[in-house]
Amino acid sequence: MIVETEERVKLKTPDELLEVLKGSCFVRQEGWWSYELCYQNKIRQFHVEDEKEKAVQEFILGVYDEEATAAFNQNLSDISTLKDHRSKDASQRYHAHQYTNGTICDLTNEPRETEVRFVCSEPRAMISSVIELSTCKYALTVQSPMLCKHPLFQEERPVWHTINCNLLPKDYKEAKPDEVETEDEQIFMVSDVESSNYDSDE
């Protein structure tokens, strides 16, 4: 007797899918500032002079914090809901990494920190937005095509229903409303006076 066994392929975690980004850095310019994310390393905010091409102002927005990242994803699960006002879709799923212990903020006297949000998006990996959630606390969104391989990051497909149609027999005749047979029913109306007399007889 031959028993066929189904080989189960272990689903890769979001972090395993993102491993291809190791050693990569991404830069986005927004007005005066440029932002550089080096995967699982650090995030810089800097301004470069055109002539010298040297950073004349620079802040570290956070250094990758493995423990904080693990704790965050354990509490909220690997998938969270991103509500980024710059996103075309108001509700996108993302996988988050935490970057902490950045340059001290002058306004709060606390280190700057950033949440990096990896979302499923084609065609290439890039920083799509940087927002300041509160004073010196940032959210940086990264388009990550490799996450699209994970089923939890894929768009929900519409549900299709099959409708079977059958021909009606030639002698089929749809009954008209006035042809529907109804049973004769007698309706008795009892007035309040008759009802009270009936009660007194009892």
Protein backbone atom coordinates (compact mmCIF):
# COMPACT_ATOMS: atom_id res chain seq x y z
CA MET A 1 0.00 0.00 0.00
CA ILE A 2 1.42 3.38 -1.04
CA VAL A 3 0.49 6.40 1.05
CA GLU A 4 1.05 9.79 -0.52
CA THR A 5 2.25 12.46 1.89
CA GLU A 6 1.68 16.14 1.23
CA GLU A 7 4.88 18.11 1.66
CA ARG A 8 4.14 21.29 3.55
CA VAL A 9 6.21 24.34 2.67
CA LYS A 10 6.89 26.49 5.70
CA LEU A 11 5.64 30.03 5.19
CA LYS A 12 8.37 32.62 5.56
CA THR A 13 7.88 35.31 8.20
CA PRO A 14 7.87 39.00 7.19
CA ASP A 15 11.39 39.42 8.63
CA GLU A 16 12.66 36.45 6.61
CA LEU A 17 11.21 37.98 3.44
CA LEU A 18 12.83 41.33 4.27
CA GLU A 19 16.30 39.79 4.74
CA VAL A 20 17.13 40.65 1.11
CA LEU A 21 17.31 44.30 2.23
CA LYS A 22 20.28 43.68 4.54
CA GLY A 23 23.17 45.95 3.65
CA SER A 24 20.88 48.28 1.66
CA CYS A 25 20.28 51.99 2.28
CA PHE A 26 17.44 54.09 0.89
CA VAL A 27 17.29 57.88 0.57
CA ARG A 28 14.27 60.17 0.18
CA GLN A 29 14.40 63.95 -0.19
CA GLU A 30 11.55 66.09 1.09
CA GLY A 31 12.21 69.80 0.67
CA TRP A 32 15.11 70.95 2.83
CA TRP A 33 15.69 67.55 4.40
CA SER A 34 16.87 64.20 3.10
CA TYR A 35 16.19 60.95 4.93
CA GLU A 36 18.38 57.86 4.78
CA LEU A 37 17.33 54.45 6.08
CA CYS A 38 19.96 51.73 6.30
CA TYR A 39 18.10 48.48 6.91
CA GLN A 40 18.46 47.24 10.51
CA ASN A 41 21.13 49.88 11.10
CA LYS A 42 20.11 53.55 11.52
CA ILE A 43 18.05 56.42 10.10
CA ARG A 44 19.54 59.83 9.28
CA GLN A 45 17.87 63.18 8.65
CA PHE A 46 20.29 65.56 6.95
CA HIS A 47 20.67 68.60 4.72
CA VAL A 48 23.26 68.70 1.93
CA GLU A 49 24.69 71.85 0.35
CA ASP A 50 24.55 71.68 -3.45
CA GLU A 51 28.13 72.81 -4.00
CA LYS A 52 29.92 70.75 -1.35
CA GLU A 53 27.53 67.76 -1.36
CA LYS A 54 28.37 67.42 2.31
CA ALA A 55 25.83 67.20 5.12
CA VAL A 56 25.82 70.53 6.95
CA GLN A 57 23.03 69.47 9.32
CA GLU A 58 22.41 65.94 10.52
CA PHE A 59 20.25 64.16 13.08
CA ILE A 60 19.98 60.45 13.85
CA LEU A 61 16.28 59.54 13.96
CA GLY A 62 16.99 56.18 15.56
CA VAL A 63 19.18 53.10 15.65
CA TYR A 64 17.66 49.67 14.98
CA ASP A 65 16.36 48.20 18.25
CA GLU A 66 15.94 44.43 17.93
CA GLU A 67 14.40 43.99 21.40
CA ALA A 68 11.86 46.80 20.96
CA THR A 69 10.95 45.44 17.52
CA ALA A 70 10.38 41.92 18.87
CA ALA A 71 8.28 43.24 21.76
CA PHE A 72 6.19 45.44 19.46
CA ASN A 73 5.42 42.64 17.01
CA GLN A 74 4.70 40.18 19.80
CA ASN A 75 2.13 42.51 21.35
CA LEU A 76 0.40 43.56 18.15
CA SER A 77 1.17 40.47 16.03
CA ASP A 78 3.19 40.68 12.83
CA ILE A 79 0.46 42.56 11.02
CA SER A 80 -0.84 45.94 12.06
CA THR A 81 -3.05 48.55 10.49
CA LEU A 82 -1.39 51.57 8.95
CA LYS A 83 -3.46 54.73 8.70
CA ASP A 84 -1.20 57.08 6.81
CA HIS A 85 -2.93 60.17 5.43
CA ARG A 86 -0.50 60.15 2.50
CA SER A 87 -1.42 56.61 1.55
CA LYS A 88 -3.92 56.06 -1.26
CA ASP A 89 -5.41 53.22 0.74
CA ALA A 90 -6.42 54.43 4.22
CA SER A 91 -5.97 50.96 5.68
CA GLN A 92 -2.84 49.06 4.66
CA ARG A 93 -1.20 46.22 6.49
CA TYR A 94 2.41 46.67 7.50
CA HIS A 95 5.27 45.05 9.38
CA ALA A 96 7.07 47.37 11.80
CA HIS A 97 10.66 47.80 12.99
CA GLN A 98 11.52 50.10 15.87
CA TYR A 99 14.47 52.51 15.74
CA THR A 100 15.30 54.16 19.07
CA ASN A 101 18.04 56.13 20.85
CA GLY A 102 18.49 58.79 18.17
CA THR A 103 19.83 62.32 18.58
CA ILE A 104 18.45 64.07 21.67
CA CYS A 105 15.47 66.27 20.79
CA ASP A 106 15.82 69.92 21.89
CA LEU A 107 12.10 70.23 22.63
CA THR A 108 11.58 67.07 24.68
CA ASN A 109 15.09 66.27 25.92
CA GLU A 110 14.36 62.69 24.81
CA PRO A 111 16.13 60.67 22.09
CA ARG A 112 14.47 60.74 18.68
CA GLU A 113 12.77 57.50 17.61
CA THR A 114 11.14 56.15 14.47
CA GLU A 115 8.78 53.36 13.53
CA VAL A 116 9.65 51.92 10.11
CA ARG A 117 6.59 50.46 8.39
CA PHE A 118 7.15 47.95 5.60
CA VAL A 119 4.17 47.63 3.25
CA CYS A 120 3.49 45.38 0.27
CA SER A 121 3.96 47.58 -2.79
CA GLU A 122 5.42 47.18 -6.27
CA PRO A 123 7.63 47.60 -8.20
CA ARG A 124 10.74 48.28 -6.05
CA ALA A 125 11.84 48.90 -2.48
CA MET A 126 11.87 52.60 -1.60
CA ILE A 127 10.91 55.09 1.12
CA SER A 128 7.43 56.33 0.20
CA SER A 129 6.76 58.75 3.07
CA VAL A 130 8.17 60.24 6.27
CA ILE A 131 5.84 61.83 8.81
CA GLU A 132 6.35 63.24 12.30
CA LEU A 133 3.70 61.60 14.49
CA SER A 134 4.53 63.80 17.46
CA THR A 135 7.52 65.91 18.49
CA CYS A 136 10.66 63.99 17.44
CA LYS A 137 8.73 60.73 16.94
CA TYR A 138 8.53 59.64 13.32
CA ALA A 139 6.94 57.06 11.04
CA LEU A 140 8.80 56.07 7.88
CA THR A 141 6.97 53.93 5.31
CA VAL A 142 8.93 51.63 3.00
CA GLN A 143 7.46 50.02 -0.10
CA SER A 144 8.56 46.38 -0.01
CA PRO A 145 7.67 44.14 -3.00
CA MET A 146 9.04 41.07 -1.20
CA LEU A 147 6.27 41.33 1.43
CA CYS A 148 3.69 40.74 -1.31
CA LYS A 149 4.70 37.06 -1.23
CA HIS A 150 3.14 36.77 2.24
CA PRO A 151 -0.62 36.01 2.08
CA LEU A 152 -1.46 38.40 4.94
CA PHE A 153 -0.13 41.34 2.91
CA GLN A 154 -1.94 40.48 -0.31
CA GLU A 155 -5.12 42.26 -1.31
CA GLU A 156 -8.30 40.34 -0.65
CA ARG A 157 -9.68 38.82 -3.80
CA PRO A 158 -13.39 39.22 -4.56
CA VAL A 159 -15.56 36.20 -3.79
CA TRP A 160 -17.04 34.63 -6.91
CA HIS A 161 -20.36 32.77 -6.81
CA THR A 162 -21.56 30.32 -9.47
CA ILE A 163 -25.16 30.71 -10.62
CA ASN A 164 -26.68 27.80 -12.55
CA CYS A 165 -29.55 28.62 -14.93
CA ASN A 166 -32.06 26.03 -16.16
CA LEU A 167 -34.63 26.20 -18.96
CA LEU A 168 -38.26 26.22 -17.85
CA PRO A 169 -40.55 23.53 -19.30
CA LYS A 170 -42.71 24.62 -22.26
CA ASP A 171 -45.95 24.10 -20.35
CA TYR A 172 -44.79 26.26 -17.42
CA LYS A 173 -47.17 29.10 -16.71
CA GLU A 174 -46.51 31.73 -14.09
CA ALA A 175 -49.56 32.31 -11.93
CA LYS A 176 -50.90 35.86 -11.88
CA PRO A 177 -51.64 37.48 -8.52
CA ASP A 178 -55.44 37.41 -9.07
CA GLU A 179 -55.28 33.72 -10.00
CA VAL A 180 -53.68 32.64 -6.75
CA GLU A 181 -56.16 30.58 -4.75
CA THR A 182 -56.90 31.81 -1.26
CA GLU A 183 -58.88 30.09 1.44
CA ASP A 184 -62.13 31.76 2.48
CA GLU A 185 -61.75 33.19 5.91
CA GLN A 186 -64.51 34.62 8.09
CA ILE A 187 -63.59 37.72 10.01
CA PHE A 188 -65.59 38.66 13.11
CA MET A 189 -65.49 42.17 14.52
CA VAL A 190 -66.26 42.64 18.19
CA SER A 191 -66.99 46.13 19.46
CA ASP A 192 -65.93 47.39 22.88
CA VAL A 193 -69.54 47.28 24.13
CA GLU A 194 -70.02 43.68 23.06
CA SER A 195 -66.69 42.78 24.59
CA SER A 196 -67.67 44.26 27.98
CA ASN A 197 -71.06 42.47 27.89
CA TYR A 198 -69.26 39.24 27.15
CA ASP A 199 -66.99 39.74 30.15
CA SER A 200 -69.96 40.51 32.48
CA ASP A 201 -71.76 37.31 31.42
CA GLU A 202 -68.83 35.34 32.68
